[in-house]
């Protein structure tokens, strides 16, 4: 019935900064980009390596993200990586704080977290 995730949508507080973060630092290519004047809103779609898209919206004065990580809703975005150490080095070179590496107790895989410009936790999960 389902084929996979088509897109994940997030709302940002600073469009230019968030656009640069996802396209410049993380390197996701732009699929489409629009400004919707009637909503005072940008809409940016970037492609993830598996073909899914991340849809980024800006709206005037969006409410802040709930700080409790166990609140209902999106907990985090997880990205699969082959070279966890290399990605961490890249992020740190761009002054992005990355948590210490952990080991998944069920799979024995390494993973860590960092945050996007609005505090959305992003997990890096080392693939086989």
N, C-alpha and C. Protein backbone atom coordinates (compact mmCIF):
# COMPACT_ATOMS: atom_id res chain seq x y z
N UNK A 1 0.82 -1.19 0.00
CA UNK A 1 0.00 0.00 0.00
C UNK A 1 0.87 1.26 0.00
N UNK A 2 1.83 1.35 0.91
CA UNK A 2 2.70 2.53 0.99
C UNK A 2 4.03 2.21 0.34
N UNK A 3 4.65 3.24 -0.24
CA UNK A 3 5.93 3.06 -0.91
C UNK A 3 7.09 3.67 -0.14
N UNK A 4 6.82 4.49 0.83
CA UNK A 4 7.88 5.14 1.59
C UNK A 4 7.47 6.55 1.96
N UNK A 5 8.38 7.27 2.55
CA UNK A 5 8.11 8.66 2.93
C UNK A 5 8.33 9.56 1.72
N UNK A 6 7.34 10.37 1.39
CA UNK A 6 7.48 11.33 0.30
C UNK A 6 8.19 12.58 0.80
N UNK A 7 7.70 13.14 1.92
CA UNK A 7 8.35 14.32 2.47
C UNK A 7 8.05 14.46 3.96
N UNK A 8 8.89 15.23 4.59
CA UNK A 8 8.73 15.61 5.99
C UNK A 8 8.71 17.13 5.98
N UNK A 9 7.77 17.74 6.70
CA UNK A 9 7.63 19.19 6.69
C UNK A 9 8.03 19.78 8.03
N UNK A 10 8.76 20.89 7.97
CA UNK A 10 9.12 21.63 9.18
C UNK A 10 8.84 23.11 8.94
N UNK A 11 8.69 23.84 10.03
CA UNK A 11 8.50 25.29 9.98
C UNK A 11 9.70 25.92 10.66
N UNK A 12 10.29 26.92 10.03
CA UNK A 12 11.47 27.57 10.58
C UNK A 12 11.15 29.00 11.00
N UNK A 13 12.02 29.57 11.83
CA UNK A 13 11.83 30.95 12.27
C UNK A 13 12.65 31.95 11.45
N UNK A 14 13.75 31.50 10.87
CA UNK A 14 14.63 32.38 10.08
C UNK A 14 14.91 31.67 8.76
N UNK A 15 14.15 32.05 7.73
CA UNK A 15 14.22 31.33 6.46
C UNK A 15 15.62 31.31 5.86
N UNK A 16 16.27 32.45 5.76
CA UNK A 16 17.59 32.51 5.11
C UNK A 16 18.60 31.64 5.85
N UNK A 17 18.61 31.70 7.16
CA UNK A 17 19.54 30.92 7.96
C UNK A 17 19.26 29.42 7.82
N UNK A 18 17.98 29.05 7.87
CA UNK A 18 17.59 27.65 7.74
C UNK A 18 17.87 27.13 6.34
N UNK A 19 17.61 27.94 5.33
CA UNK A 19 17.90 27.55 3.94
C UNK A 19 19.39 27.25 3.79
N UNK A 20 20.23 28.14 4.31
CA UNK A 20 21.67 27.93 4.23
C UNK A 20 22.10 26.68 5.00
N UNK A 21 21.50 26.45 6.15
CA UNK A 21 21.83 25.28 6.97
C UNK A 21 21.58 23.98 6.19
N UNK A 22 20.37 23.84 5.63
CA UNK A 22 20.01 22.59 4.96
C UNK A 22 20.64 22.44 3.57
N UNK A 23 20.83 23.55 2.85
CA UNK A 23 21.40 23.44 1.50
C UNK A 23 22.92 23.63 1.49
N UNK A 24 23.40 24.60 2.26
CA UNK A 24 24.83 24.90 2.26
C UNK A 24 25.63 23.98 3.15
N UNK A 25 25.21 23.83 4.40
CA UNK A 25 25.99 23.03 5.34
C UNK A 25 25.70 21.54 5.19
N UNK A 26 24.40 21.16 5.18
CA UNK A 26 24.07 19.75 5.03
C UNK A 26 24.12 19.28 3.57
N UNK A 27 24.05 20.20 2.64
CA UNK A 27 24.26 19.87 1.23
C UNK A 27 23.08 19.25 0.51
N UNK A 28 21.85 19.44 0.99
CA UNK A 28 20.69 18.88 0.32
C UNK A 28 20.33 19.76 -0.88
N UNK A 29 20.19 19.18 -2.08
CA UNK A 29 19.87 19.98 -3.26
C UNK A 29 18.43 20.50 -3.24
N UNK A 30 18.25 21.69 -3.79
CA UNK A 30 16.93 22.31 -3.85
C UNK A 30 16.12 21.68 -4.98
N UNK A 31 14.89 21.28 -4.65
CA UNK A 31 13.94 20.75 -5.62
C UNK A 31 13.08 21.90 -6.14
N UNK A 32 12.57 22.72 -5.22
CA UNK A 32 11.76 23.87 -5.60
C UNK A 32 11.80 24.89 -4.47
N UNK A 33 11.53 26.14 -4.84
CA UNK A 33 11.54 27.22 -3.86
C UNK A 33 10.54 28.28 -4.32
N UNK A 34 9.66 28.67 -3.39
CA UNK A 34 8.62 29.64 -3.73
C UNK A 34 8.41 30.61 -2.57
N UNK A 35 8.04 31.83 -2.92
CA UNK A 35 7.58 32.78 -1.91
C UNK A 35 6.10 33.01 -2.14
N UNK A 36 5.31 32.83 -1.10
CA UNK A 36 3.86 33.00 -1.19
C UNK A 36 3.50 34.30 -0.48
N UNK A 37 3.40 35.37 -1.25
CA UNK A 37 3.19 36.71 -0.70
C UNK A 37 1.92 36.80 0.15
N UNK A 38 0.86 36.13 -0.30
CA UNK A 38 -0.40 36.22 0.44
C UNK A 38 -0.29 35.62 1.84
N UNK A 39 0.68 34.74 2.06
CA UNK A 39 0.90 34.13 3.39
C UNK A 39 2.16 34.65 4.06
N UNK A 40 2.90 35.51 3.36
CA UNK A 40 4.21 35.99 3.84
C UNK A 40 5.07 34.79 4.22
N UNK A 41 5.11 33.81 3.32
CA UNK A 41 5.71 32.53 3.63
C UNK A 41 6.58 32.01 2.49
N UNK A 42 7.74 31.51 2.86
CA UNK A 42 8.59 30.79 1.90
C UNK A 42 8.26 29.31 2.00
N UNK A 43 8.43 28.60 0.89
CA UNK A 43 8.29 27.14 0.85
C UNK A 43 9.46 26.61 0.05
N UNK A 44 10.29 25.83 0.71
CA UNK A 44 11.48 25.26 0.09
C UNK A 44 11.42 23.74 0.21
N UNK A 45 11.62 23.06 -0.90
CA UNK A 45 11.74 21.61 -0.88
C UNK A 45 13.17 21.24 -1.23
N UNK A 46 13.79 20.40 -0.37
CA UNK A 46 15.13 19.89 -0.65
C UNK A 46 15.04 18.37 -0.71
N UNK A 47 15.93 17.78 -1.50
CA UNK A 47 15.92 16.33 -1.68
C UNK A 47 16.92 15.67 -0.75
N UNK A 48 16.44 14.66 -0.05
CA UNK A 48 17.30 13.84 0.78
C UNK A 48 17.94 12.76 -0.09
N UNK A 49 19.04 12.17 0.33
CA UNK A 49 19.74 11.21 -0.52
C UNK A 49 18.91 10.02 -0.98
N UNK A 50 17.89 9.63 -0.23
CA UNK A 50 17.07 8.48 -0.63
C UNK A 50 15.91 8.86 -1.55
N UNK A 51 15.82 10.14 -1.90
CA UNK A 51 14.76 10.61 -2.79
C UNK A 51 13.60 11.28 -2.07
N UNK A 52 13.46 11.06 -0.77
CA UNK A 52 12.42 11.76 -0.01
C UNK A 52 12.77 13.24 0.04
N UNK A 53 11.79 14.05 0.38
CA UNK A 53 12.03 15.49 0.44
C UNK A 53 11.78 16.03 1.84
N UNK A 54 12.49 17.09 2.15
CA UNK A 54 12.26 17.86 3.36
C UNK A 54 11.63 19.17 2.90
N UNK A 55 10.44 19.45 3.39
CA UNK A 55 9.68 20.63 3.01
C UNK A 55 9.84 21.65 4.14
N UNK A 56 10.39 22.81 3.81
CA UNK A 56 10.69 23.83 4.82
C UNK A 56 9.81 25.04 4.57
N UNK A 57 9.05 25.42 5.60
CA UNK A 57 8.17 26.58 5.51
C UNK A 57 8.65 27.66 6.46
N UNK A 58 8.41 28.91 6.09
CA UNK A 58 8.56 30.02 7.03
C UNK A 58 7.19 30.68 7.13
N UNK A 59 6.81 31.06 8.33
CA UNK A 59 5.58 31.80 8.56
C UNK A 59 5.90 32.94 9.51
N UNK A 60 5.17 34.04 9.44
CA UNK A 60 5.41 35.12 10.38
C UNK A 60 5.08 34.67 11.81
N UNK A 61 6.01 34.85 12.73
CA UNK A 61 5.81 34.58 14.15
C UNK A 61 5.30 33.19 14.49
N UNK A 62 5.96 32.14 14.02
CA UNK A 62 5.50 30.79 14.40
C UNK A 62 5.77 30.56 15.89
N UNK A 63 4.93 29.77 16.55
CA UNK A 63 5.19 29.48 17.97
C UNK A 63 6.48 28.67 18.11
N UNK A 64 7.12 28.79 19.25
CA UNK A 64 8.35 28.05 19.51
C UNK A 64 8.06 26.56 19.62
N UNK A 65 9.10 25.78 19.36
CA UNK A 65 9.01 24.33 19.49
C UNK A 65 8.88 23.97 20.96
N UNK A 66 8.07 22.97 21.24
CA UNK A 66 7.97 22.45 22.60
C UNK A 66 9.33 21.89 22.98
N UNK A 67 9.81 22.22 24.17
CA UNK A 67 11.16 21.81 24.55
C UNK A 67 11.24 20.39 25.08
N UNK A 68 10.15 19.82 25.51
CA UNK A 68 10.18 18.47 26.06
C UNK A 68 10.29 17.46 24.93
N UNK A 69 11.39 16.68 24.84
CA UNK A 69 11.55 15.76 23.71
C UNK A 69 10.54 14.62 23.70
N UNK A 70 9.85 14.40 24.80
CA UNK A 70 8.86 13.34 24.83
C UNK A 70 7.44 13.86 24.59
N UNK A 71 7.31 15.13 24.15
CA UNK A 71 5.99 15.68 23.81
C UNK A 71 5.46 14.99 22.56
N UNK A 72 4.16 14.98 22.39
CA UNK A 72 3.57 14.39 21.19
C UNK A 72 4.02 15.17 19.96
N UNK A 73 4.18 14.48 18.85
CA UNK A 73 4.59 15.12 17.62
C UNK A 73 5.95 14.59 17.18
N UNK A 74 6.53 15.24 16.20
CA UNK A 74 7.82 14.82 15.67
C UNK A 74 8.89 14.91 16.75
N UNK A 75 9.53 13.81 17.04
CA UNK A 75 10.57 13.80 18.07
C UNK A 75 11.91 14.23 17.49
N UNK A 76 12.29 13.64 16.36
CA UNK A 76 13.52 14.04 15.70
C UNK A 76 13.51 13.52 14.27
N UNK A 77 14.42 14.03 13.47
CA UNK A 77 14.64 13.60 12.10
C UNK A 77 15.93 12.78 12.12
N UNK A 78 15.92 11.56 11.61
CA UNK A 78 17.11 10.71 11.61
C UNK A 78 17.63 10.55 10.19
N UNK A 79 18.93 10.81 10.02
CA UNK A 79 19.59 10.67 8.72
C UNK A 79 20.59 9.53 8.79
N UNK A 80 20.56 8.68 7.80
CA UNK A 80 21.50 7.57 7.72
C UNK A 80 22.80 8.08 7.09
N UNK A 81 23.93 7.73 7.71
CA UNK A 81 25.24 8.14 7.20
C UNK A 81 26.18 6.94 7.17
N UNK A 82 27.12 6.94 6.24
CA UNK A 82 28.12 5.87 6.17
C UNK A 82 29.33 6.19 7.03
N UNK A 83 29.72 7.47 7.07
CA UNK A 83 30.93 7.89 7.79
C UNK A 83 30.53 8.87 8.88
N UNK A 84 30.13 8.35 10.02
CA UNK A 84 29.68 9.19 11.12
C UNK A 84 30.74 10.18 11.55
N UNK A 85 31.98 9.73 11.67
CA UNK A 85 33.06 10.62 12.10
C UNK A 85 33.28 11.75 11.10
N UNK A 86 33.21 11.45 9.82
CA UNK A 86 33.40 12.47 8.79
C UNK A 86 32.30 13.51 8.81
N UNK A 87 31.06 13.09 9.02
CA UNK A 87 29.95 14.03 9.08
C UNK A 87 30.08 14.91 10.32
N UNK A 88 30.45 14.31 11.43
CA UNK A 88 30.64 15.09 12.65
C UNK A 88 31.73 16.14 12.45
N UNK A 89 32.84 15.76 11.84
CA UNK A 89 33.93 16.70 11.57
C UNK A 89 33.43 17.86 10.71
N UNK A 90 32.63 17.56 9.69
CA UNK A 90 32.07 18.60 8.82
C UNK A 90 31.18 19.55 9.61
N UNK A 91 30.30 19.01 10.45
CA UNK A 91 29.40 19.85 11.23
C UNK A 91 30.15 20.73 12.22
N UNK A 92 31.12 20.14 12.92
CA UNK A 92 31.90 20.89 13.90
C UNK A 92 32.67 22.02 13.21
N UNK A 93 33.16 21.78 11.98
CA UNK A 93 33.87 22.81 11.23
C UNK A 93 32.95 23.99 10.91
N UNK A 94 31.63 23.75 10.94
CA UNK A 94 30.64 24.82 10.71
C UNK A 94 30.04 25.30 12.03
N UNK A 95 30.76 25.05 13.12
CA UNK A 95 30.36 25.52 14.46
C UNK A 95 29.02 24.95 14.93
N UNK A 96 28.71 23.74 14.51
CA UNK A 96 27.50 23.07 14.96
C UNK A 96 27.87 22.12 16.09
N UNK A 97 27.17 22.25 17.20
CA UNK A 97 27.43 21.41 18.37
C UNK A 97 26.82 20.03 18.13
N UNK A 98 27.66 19.01 18.30
CA UNK A 98 27.22 17.62 18.12
C UNK A 98 27.40 16.90 19.45
N UNK A 99 26.38 16.16 19.85
CA UNK A 99 26.46 15.41 21.10
C UNK A 99 27.50 14.29 20.98
N UNK A 100 27.96 13.76 22.10
CA UNK A 100 28.87 12.61 22.06
C UNK A 100 28.20 11.42 21.37
N UNK A 101 29.01 10.62 20.71
CA UNK A 101 28.51 9.42 20.02
C UNK A 101 28.00 8.42 21.05
N UNK A 102 26.88 7.80 20.71
CA UNK A 102 26.29 6.74 21.53
C UNK A 102 26.22 5.46 20.70
N UNK A 103 25.95 4.37 21.37
CA UNK A 103 25.78 3.08 20.70
C UNK A 103 24.35 2.61 20.92
N UNK A 104 23.65 2.27 19.84
CA UNK A 104 22.29 1.74 19.94
C UNK A 104 22.37 0.37 20.61
N UNK A 105 21.71 0.23 21.73
CA UNK A 105 21.82 -1.00 22.51
C UNK A 105 21.22 -2.22 21.82
N UNK A 106 20.37 -2.01 20.82
CA UNK A 106 19.74 -3.14 20.13
C UNK A 106 20.46 -3.52 18.84
N UNK A 107 21.05 -2.53 18.16
CA UNK A 107 21.69 -2.82 16.86
C UNK A 107 23.20 -2.72 16.91
N UNK A 108 23.73 -2.17 17.99
CA UNK A 108 25.18 -1.94 18.12
C UNK A 108 25.70 -0.89 17.14
N UNK A 109 24.82 -0.11 16.54
CA UNK A 109 25.23 0.95 15.61
C UNK A 109 25.50 2.24 16.37
N UNK A 110 26.42 3.05 15.83
CA UNK A 110 26.75 4.34 16.44
C UNK A 110 25.78 5.41 15.94
N UNK A 111 25.46 6.34 16.83
CA UNK A 111 24.59 7.46 16.46
C UNK A 111 24.88 8.66 17.36
N UNK A 112 24.42 9.81 16.91
CA UNK A 112 24.55 11.04 17.69
C UNK A 112 23.47 12.01 17.25
N UNK A 113 23.38 13.13 17.93
CA UNK A 113 22.39 14.16 17.62
C UNK A 113 23.04 15.54 17.50
N UNK A 114 22.43 16.39 16.69
CA UNK A 114 22.71 17.82 16.65
C UNK A 114 21.38 18.50 16.38
N UNK A 115 21.33 19.82 16.39
CA UNK A 115 20.07 20.53 16.21
C UNK A 115 20.12 21.46 15.01
N UNK A 116 18.97 21.61 14.38
CA UNK A 116 18.88 22.58 13.29
C UNK A 116 18.73 23.98 13.89
N UNK A 117 18.67 25.03 13.07
CA UNK A 117 18.63 26.39 13.62
C UNK A 117 17.47 26.67 14.58
N UNK A 118 16.39 25.89 14.50
CA UNK A 118 15.25 26.11 15.39
C UNK A 118 15.18 25.08 16.51
N UNK A 119 16.24 24.31 16.68
CA UNK A 119 16.28 23.36 17.78
C UNK A 119 15.70 22.00 17.46
N UNK A 120 15.32 21.73 16.21
CA UNK A 120 14.82 20.41 15.85
C UNK A 120 15.97 19.41 15.97
N UNK A 121 15.84 18.39 16.79
CA UNK A 121 16.93 17.40 16.91
C UNK A 121 17.05 16.60 15.61
N UNK A 122 18.28 16.46 15.15
CA UNK A 122 18.59 15.64 13.99
C UNK A 122 19.55 14.55 14.43
N UNK A 123 19.18 13.33 14.17
CA UNK A 123 20.01 12.18 14.53
C UNK A 123 20.82 11.76 13.32
N UNK A 124 22.08 11.43 13.56
CA UNK A 124 22.93 10.80 12.54
C UNK A 124 23.08 9.35 12.96
N UNK A 125 22.65 8.43 12.12
CA UNK A 125 22.66 7.01 12.44
C UNK A 125 23.58 6.31 11.44
N UNK A 126 24.63 5.68 11.94
CA UNK A 126 25.63 5.07 11.06
C UNK A 126 25.07 3.79 10.44
N UNK A 127 25.01 3.79 9.11
CA UNK A 127 24.50 2.64 8.36
C UNK A 127 25.59 1.57 8.26
N UNK A 128 25.17 0.42 7.86
CA UNK A 128 26.14 -0.69 7.70
C UNK A 128 26.94 -0.54 6.43
